[in-house]
Amino acid sequence: MSKIILLKPSHGFQVLSRGRQFSPRFLQTASLPALYVYSLPTLLPTSPRTALRAPNSDRRLLFPVRAIESSPTKEGEDEKVLSENGVEDGAPSSPLLPSSPSSDSNNAMAGKAGEYPTGEFEMVEFGWWMKAMVKLRMLFALPWERVKKGSVLSMKLRGRITDQLSSRFSSGLSLPQICENLVKAAYDPRISGVYLHIEPLSCGWGKIDEIRRHILNFKKSGKFTVSYIPICGEKEYYLACACGEVYAPPSAYIALYGLTVQASFLGGVLEKVGVEPQIQRIGKYKSAGDQLARKSMSKENCEMLTSLLDDIYGNWLEIISSTQGKTMEEVEEFINSGVYQVERLKENGWITNTLYDDEVMSMLKDRLGQKKRKNLLMVDYGKYSRVRKWTLGLESGGDQVAIIRASGSISRTRSPLSSPGSSIIGEQLIEKIRSVRESEKYKAVILRIDSPGGDALASDLMWREIRLLAAAKPVIASMSDVAASGGYYMAMAANTVIAENLTLTGSIGVVTGKFNLSRLYERIGFNKEIISRGKYAELFAAEQRPFRPDEEEIFEKSAKNAYEQFRDKAAFSRSMTVDEMEQVAQGRVWTGKLAASLGLVDVIGGFSRAVAIAKQKANLPQDRQVRLVEISRPSPSLPELVSSIGSSIFGLERTMKEMLQDVASFGSVQARMEGILFERLEKPDFDNPIFSLLKDYFSSF
């Protein structure tokens, strides 16, 4: 069976200085084996349109087992539900791209957010009994939980940060453990402050905002926060400036130049080698096919990428100007002057001083009265991650809330080449969901999602199980960097959906196609003949010729049918009419902030707000401690150990593993979001362009 091969260039779409790359994948349907759904960086309007649902609307429809298809009856039913929730039947939708922000939209968003607790961190003063218990627990703590009084929590934040809990043998950083360490350090009487060594980060803005929020929360403890930035781009400074003090060495690499976006096109290359992409797009902003069929950027694609860039850049200016006590215009003027000298940062108050790492530690020794010590008392990320919250009185044995983490690309079954925690295995996640649903000890569930999508059948099966779970107990979907396409498919099944301001989400759309290789075959002297039975038997098998008119017609109808099913399920899940969902679907990827204004997301916030909302939905007091239970915590495994060792060999381990995984999944159809690289200084996992091209080639099946 022939399928289109998306030959994505080495960097595909990029927004340099922000986030991560998109890579095209496919949506699986029973009726269309070669149907692909791409979640491309979407057009982000300059302002949100009027909220689609009234502030008091929190009801979700529970689907029957059968697949939901577009029909006048179901659309009418959906309109009835919306009317009950405060949206008039037949009311015209407000413009999708207004020229200025709507006050009605802002008021609706504020009203909706007001329904939910903020989950804002507040230092709680323990009573004498709990203080005594904490001292006793620390006195008899296990060896690996012991920390000397007056220690500084030191964490080196660089490279890839996952949303999964990692084992002690994992080489990367874990977002849950970084955030938990900051919470524990705020209450730990043995910790005097935090020292963050920040280098180029390989993660999206959702994770950065989560860490930044926890840094600000830690400062409420009254302890110091110091950051050190030897290599500084926009993302590193965004995180570092949350600390009370920012230091950089005199020779630091500083590159605060602003953002760029680029798109690459293979239309001319494929034409020269005799390959004709036959692309069928549903939605005018579906630009995945443009990489193959076009030689330059389309007007819609340019508008789409520009809007996304503006949204991210505007958020960066807003946060930095607020932190610096300057106007956004002043910050932008400074950036436009070309910032590469450390002294300029110091002169303009962007950093505290220029010091080397040893000078910063000597300064902290003096501050903490440790002059006589040879070295500053410090505890690193790895060791402090092993200190239990229970030891510090931060966890009780009472009510339990289950945490189900879903990170990575989605597949239905485990590949022999996949490592634990690197992807979402549908059948395994379904087992977790069912076990939580059947258990009476969990009062609520937080589904933490960080996924660009993947296998659409697996996404739909998980969606069904999440809906059943949501009928039994409250389910809160919390989005990290990305929850788009298959990732959003999962999230929309929850009772409440939470996203960060710059989470990439949505991506409800379809693109399909195949290659016509007739000219290439003629040039190389290759011939292929097919004997078939059935009018459309050669629809995907005959890559040696273009579509016949009747084949092209059924190809288009199949794509539209799959798109309508996807769109209609999203409409029912979000209590919207099909027409309203159509306006925000069409394959568009939205930032969390805009998704909230459009009804795709309920509220903006991080994991702590998800916990607060879980308590609210489970009728638990906000001031009551709950036990957060990680379902199937990771354990050390041989693949992880081998992976950790192999990652240092020529820097190719991860690239080759991902490439081989994609080859192994050849023949399946997937729904994935194509990535965006947001960070200029971020080191790619595959610097060699040949390996990059190979990886992109195989990842496009």
Foldseek 3Di string as FASTA:
>chain_A
DFFAFQQAALQFKFKAQFFKFFFFFAEDDPVDQFWGFAQELFQDAPEFFFFQFALVDLDFDQDDPDFDFDDPVVLVVLLVLRVVRPDHRPDDGTDGHDPDYDPNLVVRLVSNQVVFDFLQADDDDDDPVLVVLLVVLQVPDDPLQHAAALAEEEEEAAEEEFCAFDALLFPDHYLVLLLVLLVLLLLDRRHQYYEYEYEHYHHHPQSLVSNLSSQLSSVNSVHFYEYEYLEDELSRLLSRLSGPAYEYAQNGWYWLQAIDIDHAACQVVCVVLQKAWDKFWFFPLPCSCRNHNHHDDDPNVVSSVVNLSCLVRVVSLVSLCVSLVHHSVVVVVVSNVTDGGPVVCCVSVSGVYYDDPVVVQCVSCVVSVNNVDPGGRYDYSSSSSPNDCVSSVQFDPAAEEEEEEAAEEEDQADDPLDDPPHHGHLVVSLVLLVVVQPDPRHLEYEYEFHYQWKHNVSLQVLLSSLLVSCVRHAYEYFYGQEQEWSNLSNRLSGSAYEYAQARKYAFQTIMGIGMQRQRNCVVVVHDDDDDDDDPCPCLNVHSNHDDDPVSVVVVNVVRVRVSSSSQVVSCSSQSHRSVLSVSVYSRHIDGRNNCCSSSSHSHYDHDSSSVSRSCVRSVHDSPDHHHYHYRCRDDDDPVSNVLVVVCPPVLCSVLVSLLVVLQVCPSGGIHGYGTYHNHNPHDDSDPDSVSSSSSSSSNRD
